[in-house]
C-alpha atoms as a PDB file:
ATOM      1  CA  MET A   1       0.000   0.000   0.000  1.00  0.00           C
ATOM      2  CA  HIS A   2       1.412   3.346  -1.010  1.00  0.00           C
ATOM      3  CA  ILE A   3       1.484   6.032   1.672  1.00  0.00           C
ATOM      4  CA  ARG A   4       1.117   9.516   0.260  1.00  0.00           C
ATOM      5  CA  ASN A   5      -1.083  11.644   2.520  1.00  0.00           C
ATOM      6  CA  VAL A   6       0.360  11.858   6.030  1.00  0.00           C
ATOM      7  CA  LEU A   7      -1.100  13.501   9.131  1.00  0.00           C
ATOM      8  CA  VAL A   8       1.146  14.333  12.100  1.00  0.00           C
ATOM      9  CA  CYS A   9      -0.418  14.664  15.564  1.00  0.00           C
ATOM     10  CA  GLY A  10       1.694  16.554  18.087  1.00  0.00           C
ATOM     11  CA  ALA A  11       3.530  18.454  15.355  1.00  0.00           C
ATOM     12  CA  THR A  12       4.212  21.473  17.575  1.00  0.00           C
ATOM     13  CA  GLY A  13       6.212  19.494  20.128  1.00  0.00           C
ATOM     14  CA  GLN A  14       9.948  18.810  20.091  1.00  0.00           C
ATOM     15  CA  LEU A  15       9.920  15.532  18.182  1.00  0.00           C
ATOM     16  CA  GLY A  16       6.805  16.383  16.194  1.00  0.00           C
ATOM     17  CA  THR A  17       8.407  19.490  14.726  1.00  0.00           C
ATOM     18  CA  TYR A  18      11.435  17.532  13.557  1.00  0.00           C
ATOM     19  CA  ILE A  19       9.281  14.738  12.116  1.00  0.00           C
ATOM     20  CA  THR A  20       7.080  17.173  10.228  1.00  0.00           C
ATOM     21  CA  ASN A  21      10.067  19.043   8.808  1.00  0.00           C
ATOM     22  CA  GLY A  22      11.611  15.739   7.761  1.00  0.00           C
ATOM     23  CA  LEU A  23       8.479  14.782   5.852  1.00  0.00           C
ATOM     24  CA  LEU A  24       8.273  18.232   4.281  1.00  0.00           C
ATOM     25  CA  ASP A  25      11.782  17.671   2.947  1.00  0.00           C
ATOM     26  CA  SER A  26      10.287  14.935   0.723  1.00  0.00           C
ATOM     27  CA  PRO A  27       7.534  16.801  -1.171  1.00  0.00           C
ATOM     28  CA  ASP A  28       7.689  14.392  -4.089  1.00  0.00           C
ATOM     29  CA  ASP A  29       6.792  11.498  -1.776  1.00  0.00           C
ATOM     30  CA  PHE A  30       4.362  12.954   0.768  1.00  0.00           C
ATOM     31  CA  ASN A  31       1.569  15.445   1.222  1.00  0.00           C
ATOM     32  CA  VAL A  32       2.001  16.564   4.826  1.00  0.00           C
ATOM     33  CA  SER A  33      -0.712  17.829   7.154  1.00  0.00           C
ATOM     34  CA  ILE A  34      -0.664  18.587  10.879  1.00  0.00           C
ATOM     35  CA  LEU A  35      -3.518  18.135  13.321  1.00  0.00           C
ATOM     36  CA  VAL A  36      -3.961  21.293  15.388  1.00  0.00           C
ATOM     37  CA  ARG A  37      -6.339  21.446  18.326  1.00  0.00           C
ATOM     38  CA  GLU A  38      -7.982  24.674  19.386  1.00  0.00           C
ATOM     39  CA  ILE A  39      -6.473  24.422  22.866  1.00  0.00           C
ATOM     40  CA  GLY A  40      -2.990  24.247  21.349  1.00  0.00           C
ATOM     41  CA  LEU A  41      -3.353  27.543  19.524  1.00  0.00           C
ATOM     42  CA  GLN A  42      -3.853  29.316  22.837  1.00  0.00           C
ATOM     43  CA  ASP A  43      -0.093  29.035  23.266  1.00  0.00           C
ATOM     44  CA  PRO A  44       1.796  31.695  21.220  1.00  0.00           C
ATOM     45  CA  SER A  45       4.852  29.450  20.827  1.00  0.00           C
ATOM     46  CA  LYS A  46       2.727  26.694  19.296  1.00  0.00           C
ATOM     47  CA  GLN A  47       1.099  29.233  17.016  1.00  0.00           C
ATOM     48  CA  ALA A  48       4.576  30.240  15.842  1.00  0.00           C
ATOM     49  CA  VAL A  49       5.488  26.632  15.063  1.00  0.00           C
ATOM     50  CA  VAL A  50       2.266  26.131  13.104  1.00  0.00           C
ATOM     51  CA  THR A  51       3.016  29.270  11.084  1.00  0.00           C
ATOM     52  CA  VAL A  52       6.515  28.066  10.225  1.00  0.00           C
ATOM     53  CA  LEU A  53       5.321  24.596   9.235  1.00  0.00           C
ATOM     54  CA  GLN A  54       2.582  26.120   7.071  1.00  0.00           C
ATOM     55  CA  SER A  55       5.178  28.301   5.358  1.00  0.00           C
ATOM     56  CA  ARG A  56       7.048  25.117   4.455  1.00  0.00           C
ATOM     57  CA  GLY A  57       3.978  23.544   2.901  1.00  0.00           C
ATOM     58  CA  ALA A  58       2.180  21.734   5.714  1.00  0.00           C
ATOM     59  CA  LYS A  59      -1.596  21.867   5.606  1.00  0.00           C
ATOM     60  CA  VAL A  60      -3.437  22.441   8.871  1.00  0.00           C
ATOM     61  CA  VAL A  61      -6.300  20.223   9.953  1.00  0.00           C
ATOM     62  CA  PHE A  62      -7.905  22.368  12.637  1.00  0.00           C
ATOM     63  CA  VAL A  63      -9.999  20.564  15.247  1.00  0.00           C
ATOM     64  CA  PRO A  64     -12.065  22.754  17.598  1.00  0.00           C
ATOM     65  CA  ASP A  65     -12.197  21.422  21.142  1.00  0.00           C
ATOM     66  CA  VAL A  66     -15.915  20.693  20.784  1.00  0.00           C
ATOM     67  CA  SER A  67     -15.098  18.562  17.725  1.00  0.00           C
ATOM     68  CA  PHE A  68     -12.466  16.403  19.431  1.00  0.00           C
ATOM     69  CA  THR A  69     -14.939  13.546  19.439  1.00  0.00           C
ATOM     70  CA  LEU A  70     -15.034  10.290  17.557  1.00  0.00           C
ATOM     71  CA  GLU A  71     -17.412  11.698  14.951  1.00  0.00           C
ATOM     72  CA  GLY A  72     -15.414  14.915  14.579  1.00  0.00           C
ATOM     73  CA  LEU A  73     -12.128  13.058  14.203  1.00  0.00           C
ATOM     74  CA  ILE A  74     -13.538  10.614  11.671  1.00  0.00           C
ATOM     75  CA  GLU A  75     -14.377  13.584   9.498  1.00  0.00           C
ATOM     76  CA  SER A  76     -10.951  15.194  10.064  1.00  0.00           C
ATOM     77  CA  LEU A  77      -9.048  12.020   9.164  1.00  0.00           C
ATOM     78  CA  GLN A  78     -10.787  11.392   5.851  1.00  0.00           C
ATOM     79  CA  GLY A  79      -8.352  10.978   2.953  1.00  0.00           C
ATOM     80  CA  PHE A  80      -5.213  10.263   4.972  1.00  0.00           C
ATOM     81  CA  ASP A  81      -3.085   7.179   4.392  1.00  0.00           C
ATOM     82  CA  CYS A  82      -1.026   7.397   7.585  1.00  0.00           C
ATOM     83  CA  VAL A  83      -1.368   9.009  11.015  1.00  0.00           C
ATOM     84  CA  ILE A  84       1.856   9.650  12.932  1.00  0.00           C
ATOM     85  CA  SER A  85       1.478  10.295  16.648  1.00  0.00           C
ATOM     86  CA  ALA A  86       4.152  12.419  18.319  1.00  0.00           C
ATOM     87  CA  VAL A  87       1.980  13.408  21.275  1.00  0.00           C
ATOM     88  CA  GLY A  88       3.579  13.792  24.672  1.00  0.00           C
ATOM     89  CA  THR A  89       3.183  11.227  27.422  1.00  0.00           C
ATOM     90  CA  PRO A  90       0.244  12.967  29.143  1.00  0.00           C
ATOM     91  CA  SER A  91      -1.669  12.740  25.851  1.00  0.00           C
ATOM     92  CA  VAL A  92      -1.033   9.042  25.184  1.00  0.00           C
ATOM     93  CA  GLU A  93      -4.604   8.158  26.176  1.00  0.00           C
ATOM     94  CA  SER A  94      -5.918  10.376  23.351  1.00  0.00           C
ATOM     95  CA  GLN A  95      -4.483   7.865  20.883  1.00  0.00           C
ATOM     96  CA  TYR A  96      -7.336   5.439  21.552  1.00  0.00           C
ATOM     97  CA  ILE A  97      -9.944   7.749  20.074  1.00  0.00           C
ATOM     98  CA  MET A  98      -7.506   8.705  17.309  1.00  0.00           C
ATOM     99  CA  LEU A  99      -7.013   5.039  16.416  1.00  0.00           C
ATOM    100  CA  GLU A 100     -10.737   4.314  16.360  1.00  0.00           C
ATOM    101  CA  ALA A 101     -11.354   7.364  14.181  1.00  0.00           C
ATOM    102  CA  ALA A 102      -8.511   6.362  11.869  1.00  0.00           C
ATOM    103  CA  LEU A 103      -9.971   2.870  11.456  1.00  0.00           C
ATOM    104  CA  ARG A 104     -13.392   4.255  10.570  1.00  0.00           C
ATOM    105  CA  ALA A 105     -11.931   6.897   8.244  1.00  0.00           C
ATOM    106  CA  GLY A 106     -10.044   4.308   6.193  1.00  0.00           C
ATOM    107  CA  VAL A 107      -6.508   5.271   7.267  1.00  0.00           C
ATOM    108  CA  GLN A 108      -3.994   2.591   6.256  1.00  0.00           C
ATOM    109  CA  ARG A 109      -1.304   2.922   8.912  1.00  0.00           C
ATOM    110  CA  PHE A 110      -0.914   4.294  12.441  1.00  0.00           C
ATOM    111  CA  ILE A 111       2.489   5.085  13.965  1.00  0.00           C
ATOM    112  CA  PRO A 112       2.036   5.437  17.740  1.00  0.00           C
ATOM    113  CA  SER A 113       3.915   7.657  20.150  1.00  0.00           C
ATOM    114  CA  SER A 114       6.666   5.227  21.128  1.00  0.00           C
ATOM    115  CA  TRP A 115       9.953   6.978  20.473  1.00  0.00           C
ATOM    116  CA  GLY A 116      11.805   5.414  23.385  1.00  0.00           C
ATOM    117  CA  PHE A 117      12.933   2.141  24.876  1.00  0.00           C
ATOM    118  CA  ASP A 118      12.229  -1.265  23.419  1.00  0.00           C
ATOM    119  CA  PHE A 119       9.285  -2.026  25.707  1.00  0.00           C
ATOM    120  CA  ASP A 120       9.686  -5.775  25.191  1.00  0.00           C
ATOM    121  CA  LYS A 121      12.871  -5.549  27.268  1.00  0.00           C
ATOM    122  CA  LEU A 122      11.179  -3.831  30.200  1.00  0.00           C
ATOM    123  CA  PRO A 123       9.321  -5.626  33.003  1.00  0.00           C
ATOM    124  CA  GLN A 124       5.719  -4.754  33.758  1.00  0.00           C
ATOM    125  CA  ASP A 125       4.973  -1.966  36.251  1.00  0.00           C
ATOM    126  CA  VAL A 126       8.372  -0.295  35.977  1.00  0.00           C
ATOM    127  CA  HIS A 127       6.652   3.035  35.423  1.00  0.00           C
ATOM    128  CA  PRO A 128       3.172   4.153  34.241  1.00  0.00           C
ATOM    129  CA  VAL A 129       4.733   5.951  31.253  1.00  0.00           C
ATOM    130  CA  TRP A 130       5.840   2.719  29.603  1.00  0.00           C
ATOM    131  CA  ASP A 131       2.914   0.650  30.828  1.00  0.00           C
ATOM    132  CA  ALA A 132       0.486   3.085  29.162  1.00  0.00           C
ATOM    133  CA  LYS A 133       2.389   3.031  25.882  1.00  0.00           C
ATOM    134  CA  ARG A 134       2.748  -0.740  25.914  1.00  0.00           C
ATOM    135  CA  LYS A 135      -0.996  -1.135  26.538  1.00  0.00           C
ATOM    136  CA  PHE A 136      -1.834   1.074  23.564  1.00  0.00           C
ATOM    137  CA  HIS A 137       0.658  -0.760  21.373  1.00  0.00           C
ATOM    138  CA  GLN A 138      -1.134  -4.031  22.070  1.00  0.00           C
ATOM    139  CA  THR A 139      -4.491  -2.436  21.243  1.00  0.00           C
ATOM    140  CA  LEU A 140      -3.027  -1.192  17.958  1.00  0.00           C
ATOM    141  CA  ILE A 141      -1.531  -4.580  17.075  1.00  0.00           C
ATOM    142  CA  ASP A 142      -4.822  -6.323  17.824  1.00  0.00           C
ATOM    143  CA  SER A 143      -6.743  -3.903  15.589  1.00  0.00           C
ATOM    144  CA  ASP A 144      -7.178  -4.111  11.813  1.00  0.00           C
ATOM    145  CA  MET A 145      -4.837  -1.144  11.342  1.00  0.00           C
ATOM    146  CA  ASP A 146      -1.370  -1.458   9.836  1.00  0.00           C
ATOM    147  CA  TYR A 147       1.285  -0.132  12.196  1.00  0.00           C
ATOM    148  CA  THR A 148       4.940   0.730  12.626  1.00  0.00           C
ATOM    149  CA  ILE A 149       6.230   0.867  16.209  1.00  0.00           C
ATOM    150  CA  ILE A 150       9.554   2.688  16.455  1.00  0.00           C
ATOM    151  CA  CYS A 151      12.006   2.146  19.326  1.00  0.00           C
ATOM    152  CA  LEU A 152      15.117   4.302  19.621  1.00  0.00           C
ATOM    153  CA  GLY A 153      16.509   4.288  23.170  1.00  0.00           C
ATOM    154  CA  VAL A 154      16.970   7.777  24.590  1.00  0.00           C
ATOM    155  CA  ILE A 155      17.122  11.016  22.622  1.00  0.00           C
ATOM    156  CA  TYR A 156      20.325  13.051  22.596  1.00  0.00           C
ATOM    157  CA  GLU A 157      18.654  16.438  22.841  1.00  0.00           C
ATOM    158  CA  SER A 158      16.461  15.592  25.826  1.00  0.00           C
ATOM    159  CA  PHE A 159      18.644  13.091  27.674  1.00  0.00           C
ATOM    160  CA  PHE A 160      21.883  15.042  28.028  1.00  0.00           C
ATOM    161  CA  THR A 161      20.215  17.761  30.085  1.00  0.00           C
ATOM    162  CA  PRO A 162      19.896  18.592  33.798  1.00  0.00           C
ATOM    163  CA  PHE A 163      16.524  16.830  33.836  1.00  0.00           C
ATOM    164  CA  PHE A 164      18.411  13.548  33.510  1.00  0.00           C
ATOM    165  CA  ARG A 165      21.206  14.630  35.890  1.00  0.00           C
ATOM    166  CA  PHE A 166      23.549  15.645  33.061  1.00  0.00           C
ATOM    167  CA  ASP A 167      24.510  19.224  33.906  1.00  0.00           C
ATOM    168  CA  LEU A 168      26.713  20.611  31.141  1.00  0.00           C
ATOM    169  CA  GLN A 169      27.060  24.055  32.691  1.00  0.00           C
ATOM    170  CA  LYS A 170      28.387  22.667  35.977  1.00  0.00           C
ATOM    171  CA  ARG A 171      30.141  19.785  34.167  1.00  0.00           C
ATOM    172  CA  ARG A 172      28.578  17.340  36.602  1.00  0.00           C
ATOM    173  CA  VAL A 173      26.974  14.013  35.741  1.00  0.00           C
ATOM    174  CA  LEU A 174      25.055  11.601  37.947  1.00  0.00           C
ATOM    175  CA  THR A 175      24.615   8.024  36.820  1.00  0.00           C
ATOM    176  CA  ARG A 176      23.494   4.851  38.491  1.00  0.00           C
ATOM    177  CA  GLY A 177      25.214   1.513  38.702  1.00  0.00           C
ATOM    178  CA  ASP A 178      27.686   0.549  35.993  1.00  0.00           C
ATOM    179  CA  PRO A 179      28.991   3.596  34.042  1.00  0.00           C
ATOM    180  CA  ASP A 180      30.067   1.180  31.315  1.00  0.00           C
ATOM    181  CA  ALA A 181      26.558  -0.172  30.693  1.00  0.00           C
ATOM    182  CA  LYS A 182      25.660   0.351  27.049  1.00  0.00           C
ATOM    183  CA  PHE A 183      22.565   2.203  25.891  1.00  0.00           C
ATOM    184  CA  ALA A 184      21.136   3.485  22.608  1.00  0.00           C
ATOM    185  CA  VAL A 185      20.952   7.204  21.849  1.00  0.00           C
ATOM    186  CA  THR A 186      19.244   8.815  18.877  1.00  0.00           C
ATOM    187  CA  SER A 187      19.162  12.353  17.503  1.00  0.00           C
ATOM    188  CA  TYR A 188      15.966  14.186  16.591  1.00  0.00           C
ATOM    189  CA  SER A 189      17.524  15.081  13.255  1.00  0.00           C
ATOM    190  CA  ASP A 190      18.284  11.425  12.506  1.00  0.00           C
ATOM    191  CA  ILE A 191      14.694  10.382  13.253  1.00  0.00           C
ATOM    192  CA  ALA A 192      13.435  13.136  10.966  1.00  0.00           C
ATOM    193  CA  ARG A 193      15.718  11.943   8.172  1.00  0.00           C
ATOM    194  CA  TRP A 194      14.910   8.230   8.572  1.00  0.00           C
ATOM    195  CA  LEU A 195      11.134   8.295   9.076  1.00  0.00           C
ATOM    196  CA  PRO A 196      10.210   9.204   5.477  1.00  0.00           C
ATOM    197  CA  LYS A 197      12.314   6.277   4.298  1.00  0.00           C
ATOM    198  CA  MET A 198      10.590   3.952   6.786  1.00  0.00           C
ATOM    199  CA  LEU A 199       7.219   4.922   5.340  1.00  0.00           C
ATOM    200  CA  LEU A 200       8.459   3.887   1.888  1.00  0.00           C
ATOM    201  CA  ASP A 201      10.037   0.629   3.094  1.00  0.00           C
ATOM    202  CA  PRO A 202       7.609  -2.346   2.879  1.00  0.00           C
ATOM    203  CA  ALA A 203       9.585  -4.118   5.616  1.00  0.00           C
ATOM    204  CA  CYS A 204       8.447  -1.465   8.119  1.00  0.00           C
ATOM    205  CA  ARG A 205       4.754  -2.312   7.671  1.00  0.00           C
ATOM    206  CA  ASN A 206       3.301  -4.159  10.676  1.00  0.00           C
ATOM    207  CA  ALA A 207       6.685  -4.203  12.352  1.00  0.00           C
ATOM    208  CA  HIS A 208       8.628  -3.089  15.385  1.00  0.00           C
ATOM    209  CA  VAL A 209      11.427  -0.987  13.919  1.00  0.00           C
ATOM    210  CA  ASN A 210      14.525  -0.389  16.014  1.00  0.00           C
ATOM    211  CA  VAL A 211      16.834   2.539  15.286  1.00  0.00           C
ATOM    212  CA  TYR A 212      19.661   4.363  17.002  1.00  0.00           C
ATOM    213  CA  SER A 213      22.305   6.934  16.214  1.00  0.00           C
ATOM    214  CA  GLN A 214      24.931   5.242  18.388  1.00  0.00           C
ATOM    215  CA  ILE A 215      25.380   2.755  21.206  1.00  0.00           C
ATOM    216  CA  VAL A 216      27.366   4.402  24.004  1.00  0.00           C
ATOM    217  CA  THR A 217      28.117   4.200  27.720  1.00  0.00           C
ATOM    218  CA  PHE A 218      27.962   6.989  30.270  1.00  0.00           C
ATOM    219  CA  ARG A 219      31.729   6.949  30.481  1.00  0.00           C
ATOM    220  CA  GLU A 220      32.083   7.291  26.709  1.00  0.00           C
ATOM    221  CA  ALA A 221      29.500  10.094  26.600  1.00  0.00           C
ATOM    222  CA  VAL A 222      31.308  12.016  29.343  1.00  0.00           C
ATOM    223  CA  GLU A 223      34.613  11.575  27.534  1.00  0.00           C
ATOM    224  CA  CYS A 224      33.079  13.060  24.367  1.00  0.00           C
ATOM    225  CA  PHE A 225      31.832  16.108  26.287  1.00  0.00           C
ATOM    226  CA  GLU A 226      35.202  16.492  28.050  1.00  0.00           C
ATOM    227  CA  GLU A 227      36.971  16.399  24.696  1.00  0.00           C
ATOM    228  CA  ALA A 228      34.600  18.970  23.218  1.00  0.00           C
ATOM    229  CA  ALA A 229      34.758  21.255  26.266  1.00  0.00           C
ATOM    230  CA  GLY A 230      38.464  20.874  26.864  1.00  0.00           C
ATOM    231  CA  ALA A 231      37.741  20.432  30.564  1.00  0.00           C
ATOM    232  CA  PRO A 232      37.046  17.491  32.904  1.00  0.00           C
ATOM    233  CA  PHE A 233      33.559  16.508  34.076  1.00  0.00           C
ATOM    234  CA  ASN A 234      32.718  15.174  37.514  1.00  0.00           C
ATOM    235  CA  MET A 235      30.874  11.861  37.157  1.00  0.00           C
ATOM    236  CA  GLU A 236      29.091  10.704  40.301  1.00  0.00           C
ATOM    237  CA  ILE A 237      28.061   7.056  40.402  1.00  0.00           C
ATOM    238  CA  GLU A 238      25.112   6.094  42.566  1.00  0.00           C
ATOM    239  CA  SER A 239      24.724   2.460  43.532  1.00  0.00           C
ATOM    240  CA  ARG A 240      21.046   2.239  44.559  1.00  0.00           C
ATOM    241  CA  ALA A 241      19.613  -1.097  43.532  1.00  0.00           C
ATOM    242  CA  SER A 242      16.136   0.108  42.629  1.00  0.00           C
ATOM    243  CA  PRO A 243      14.594   3.308  41.277  1.00  0.00           C
ATOM    244  CA  TRP A 244      13.532   5.980  43.715  1.00  0.00           C
ATOM    245  CA  ARG A 245       9.719   6.277  43.901  1.00  0.00           C
ATOM    246  CA  CYS A 246       9.486   4.085  40.824  1.00  0.00           C
ATOM    247  CA  GLY A 247       6.039   3.520  39.435  1.00  0.00           C
ATOM    248  CA  GLN A 248       4.273   6.554  40.855  1.00  0.00           C
ATOM    249  CA  ALA A 249       2.054   8.212  38.274  1.00  0.00           C
ATOM    250  CA  ASN A 250       2.856  11.785  37.290  1.00  0.00           C
ATOM    251  CA  CYS A 251       6.122  11.729  39.216  1.00  0.00           C
ATOM    252  CA  TRP A 252       8.759  12.997  36.815  1.00  0.00           C
ATOM    253  CA  CYS A 253      11.584  12.740  39.304  1.00  0.00           C
ATOM    254  CA  GLY A 254      10.620   9.067  39.627  1.00  0.00           C
ATOM    255  CA  PHE A 255      10.606   8.822  35.842  1.00  0.00           C
ATOM    256  CA  THR A 256      14.135  10.222  35.665  1.00  0.00           C
ATOM    257  CA  ASP A 257      15.348   7.719  38.206  1.00  0.00           C
ATOM    258  CA  CYS A 258      13.663   4.893  36.314  1.00  0.00           C
ATOM    259  CA  VAL A 259      15.399   5.833  33.062  1.00  0.00           C
ATOM    260  CA  LEU A 260      18.819   5.830  34.741  1.00  0.00           C
ATOM    261  CA  TYR A 261      18.031   2.534  36.450  1.00  0.00           C
ATOM    262  CA  ILE A 262      16.968   0.873  33.188  1.00  0.00           C
ATOM    263  CA  ILE A 263      20.149   2.053  31.474  1.00  0.00           C
ATOM    264  CA  ALA A 264      22.262   0.648  34.309  1.00  0.00           C
ATOM    265  CA  GLN A 265      20.445  -2.696  34.018  1.00  0.00           C
ATOM    266  CA  GLY A 266      21.158  -2.930  30.293  1.00  0.00           C
ATOM    267  CA  GLY A 267      17.534  -2.401  29.284  1.00  0.00           C
ATOM    268  CA  ALA A 268      18.249   0.507  26.934  1.00  0.00           C
ATOM    269  CA  VAL A 269      20.209  -1.372  24.288  1.00  0.00           C
ATOM    270  CA  ILE A 270      18.636  -1.548  20.826  1.00  0.00           C
ATOM    271  CA  ASP A 271      19.239  -4.630  18.668  1.00  0.00           C
ATOM    272  CA  ASN A 272      18.907  -5.164  14.908  1.00  0.00           C
ATOM    273  CA  ALA A 273      18.707  -1.466  14.048  1.00  0.00           C
ATOM    274  CA  TRP A 274      16.944  -0.710  10.764  1.00  0.00           C
ATOM    275  CA  ASN A 275      19.222   2.224   9.980  1.00  0.00           C
ATOM    276  CA  VAL A 276      22.409   0.254  10.637  1.00  0.00           C
ATOM    277  CA  ALA A 277      21.316  -2.544   8.292  1.00  0.00           C
ATOM    278  CA  ARG A 278      20.632   0.038   5.582  1.00  0.00           C
ATOM    279  CA  GLY A 279      23.845   1.976   6.164  1.00  0.00           C
ATOM    280  CA  GLU A 280      21.980   5.203   6.929  1.00  0.00           C
ATOM    281  CA  GLN A 281      23.944   8.249   8.059  1.00  0.00           C
ATOM    282  CA  SER A 282      23.680   8.973  11.794  1.00  0.00           C
ATOM    283  CA  THR A 283      24.881  11.516  14.362  1.00  0.00           C
ATOM    284  CA  SER A 284      27.715  10.298  16.557  1.00  0.00           C
ATOM    285  CA  MET A 285      28.063  11.019  20.259  1.00  0.00           C
ATOM    286  CA  ARG A 286      31.183  13.037  19.520  1.00  0.00           C
ATOM    287  CA  GLU A 287      29.403  15.163  16.902  1.00  0.00           C
ATOM    288  CA  PHE A 288      26.520  15.848  19.246  1.00  0.00           C
ATOM    289  CA  ALA A 289      28.789  16.808  22.146  1.00  0.00           C
ATOM    290  CA  GLU A 290      30.669  19.259  19.934  1.00  0.00           C
ATOM    291  CA  ARG A 291      27.414  20.841  18.769  1.00  0.00           C
ATOM    292  CA  VAL A 292      26.242  21.308  22.346  1.00  0.00           C
ATOM    293  CA  VAL A 293      29.500  22.663  23.732  1.00  0.00           C
ATOM    294  CA  THR A 294      29.973  25.091  20.844  1.00  0.00           C
ATOM    295  CA  ARG A 295      26.305  26.118  21.164  1.00  0.00           C
ATOM    296  CA  ARG A 296      25.373  24.920  17.698  1.00  0.00           C
ATOM    297  CA  LEU A 297      22.641  22.689  19.091  1.00  0.00           C
ATOM    298  CA  PRO A 298      19.387  24.014  17.602  1.00  0.00           C
ATOM    299  CA  ALA A 299      17.109  25.791  20.014  1.00  0.00           C
ATOM    300  CA  LEU A 300      18.622  24.949  23.375  1.00  0.00           C
ATOM    301  CA  THR A 301      16.852  27.025  25.985  1.00  0.00           C
ATOM    302  CA  TYR A 302      16.913  26.881  29.743  1.00  0.00           C
ATOM    303  CA  LEU A 303      13.949  28.552  31.394  1.00  0.00           C
ATOM    304  CA  ALA A 304      13.552  29.260  35.081  1.00  0.00           C
ATOM    305  CA  ILE A 305      10.723  30.988  36.865  1.00  0.00           C
ATOM    306  CA  ARG A 306      12.561  32.137  39.924  1.00  0.00           C
ATOM    307  CA  GLY A 307       9.553  32.751  42.147  1.00  0.00           C
ATOM    308  CA  GLU A 308       8.210  29.205  42.261  1.00  0.00           C
ATOM    309  CA  LYS A 309      11.288  27.507  40.820  1.00  0.00           C
ATOM    310  CA  THR A 310       9.019  25.794  38.327  1.00  0.00           C
ATOM    311  CA  LEU A 311      10.248  24.670  34.940  1.00  0.00           C
ATOM    312  CA  HIS A 312       8.000  23.852  32.035  1.00  0.00           C
ATOM    313  CA  SER A 313       8.605  21.533  29.130  1.00  0.00           C
ATOM    314  CA  PRO A 314       7.975  22.636  25.526  1.00  0.00           C
ATOM    315  CA  SER A 315       4.894  20.447  25.319  1.00  0.00           C
ATOM    316  CA  HIS A 316       3.428  22.567  28.122  1.00  0.00           C
ATOM    317  CA  THR A 317       2.148  19.421  29.780  1.00  0.00           C
ATOM    318  CA  ARG A 318       5.018  18.436  32.036  1.00  0.00           C
ATOM    319  CA  VAL A 319       5.893  20.482  35.071  1.00  0.00           C
ATOM    320  CA  ALA A 320       8.901  19.637  37.177  1.00  0.00           C
ATOM    321  CA  ARG A 321      10.081  21.126  40.455  1.00  0.00           C
ATOM    322  CA  SER A 322      13.652  22.247  40.865  1.00  0.00           C
ATOM    323  CA  ARG A 323      15.668  22.996  43.970  1.00  0.00           C
ATOM    324  CA  ASN A 324      17.660  25.642  42.168  1.00  0.00           C
ATOM    325  CA  ALA A 325      16.386  28.002  39.513  1.00  0.00           C
ATOM    326  CA  ILE A 326      18.766  28.455  36.622  1.00  0.00           C
ATOM    327  CA  MET A 327      19.550  31.358  34.346  1.00  0.00           C
ATOM    328  CA  VAL A 328      17.560  32.008  31.227  1.00  0.00           C
ATOM    329  CA  GLU A 329      19.594  31.216  28.155  1.00  0.00           C
ATOM    330  CA  SER A 330      18.366  31.066  24.590  1.00  0.00           C
ATOM    331  CA  VAL A 331      20.404  29.769  21.703  1.00  0.00           C
ATOM    332  CA  LEU A 332      18.218  29.559  18.638  1.00  0.00           C
ATOM    333  CA  SER A 333      18.936  28.776  15.035  1.00  0.00           C
ATOM    334  CA  ASP A 334      16.963  29.288  11.853  1.00  0.00           C
ATOM    335  CA  ASP A 335      16.519  25.597  11.139  1.00  0.00           C
ATOM    336  CA  PHE A 336      14.470  24.869  14.261  1.00  0.00           C
ATOM    337  CA  PRO A 337      12.034  27.544  15.475  1.00  0.00           C
ATOM    338  CA  TRP A 338      11.171  25.906  18.767  1.00  0.00           C
ATOM    339  CA  PRO A 339      12.768  26.193  22.215  1.00  0.00           C
ATOM    340  CA  VAL A 340      13.743  23.007  23.979  1.00  0.00           C
ATOM    341  CA  LEU A 341      13.308  23.591  27.692  1.00  0.00           C
ATOM    342  CA  SER A 342      15.348  21.512  30.069  1.00  0.00           C
ATOM    343  CA  ALA A 343      15.044  21.483  33.811  1.00  0.00           C
ATOM    344  CA  ASP A 344      17.252  20.730  36.766  1.00  0.00           C
ATOM    345  CA  CYS A 345      14.848  18.487  38.656  1.00  0.00           C
ATOM    346  CA  GLY A 346      17.398  17.549  41.258  1.00  0.00           C
END
């Protein structure tokens, strides 16, 4: 089945913006649309992203809040071959109604919001984030919809931040367990470049597709940043056997701890990578570290609201508390009009 008309949900988020731009780079292969909810346009930054994507050729499918119903979505999804979900974790539940609407509208394929660990390697009840995604994946597989489930480890641009105890400004890193445990890391830009090719690859239909930019260890990652910065980093190794407050819903500090724990246990390794088998170009750990240190990382922004010491993610759905507010810094580039907000959730 040929996929031509593609709809991206969550296009104004970090990953969604990259994915949409990647698809727009292939105008001969895809007609690209983005689903925009009325509530999203109340945020000026999301409005700005929509404007930029429209200027590049994306069509907007506007869904008023009162129309975010099964009947309203069935109408909105008419004529699309593929729905790509890049919604944030708090919106994972909305995929159920999206899937049902897609089935009734005749959509051929649904790509769920996975974009993380290989869930088959994780035990049940590690954290509600992965349990919710795994539950939806099973619903999708059991449906009559074609699917592609993409696993990629952790993402460079969000993982090497204070939120995950990787403080580049202070050159301090906290890891758990074995600093030589291997884990998969993937760049937003690599995902954006590979996804259009996945849609054209018959082998990716009804498949779990594993990808990664590189397999690294914490020690190797720190060495890359030290080389790029020309200065040593302090790596603290914590030996707790189990995640702190693991499994508590809506606890992002618990989520951070769980991610570090899974990496230390070897659960973040990706096998049989689609991009490696095809010889696709990827971003190395060394290249990424150099981009960050020399401030050529697109749209790296640290935001602190000093009064409440509250930091907000770019999806405007995740709020994390920080012990120490940090300075506002904005490093933007023309190729990515969206600020990535990272928080010290220590």
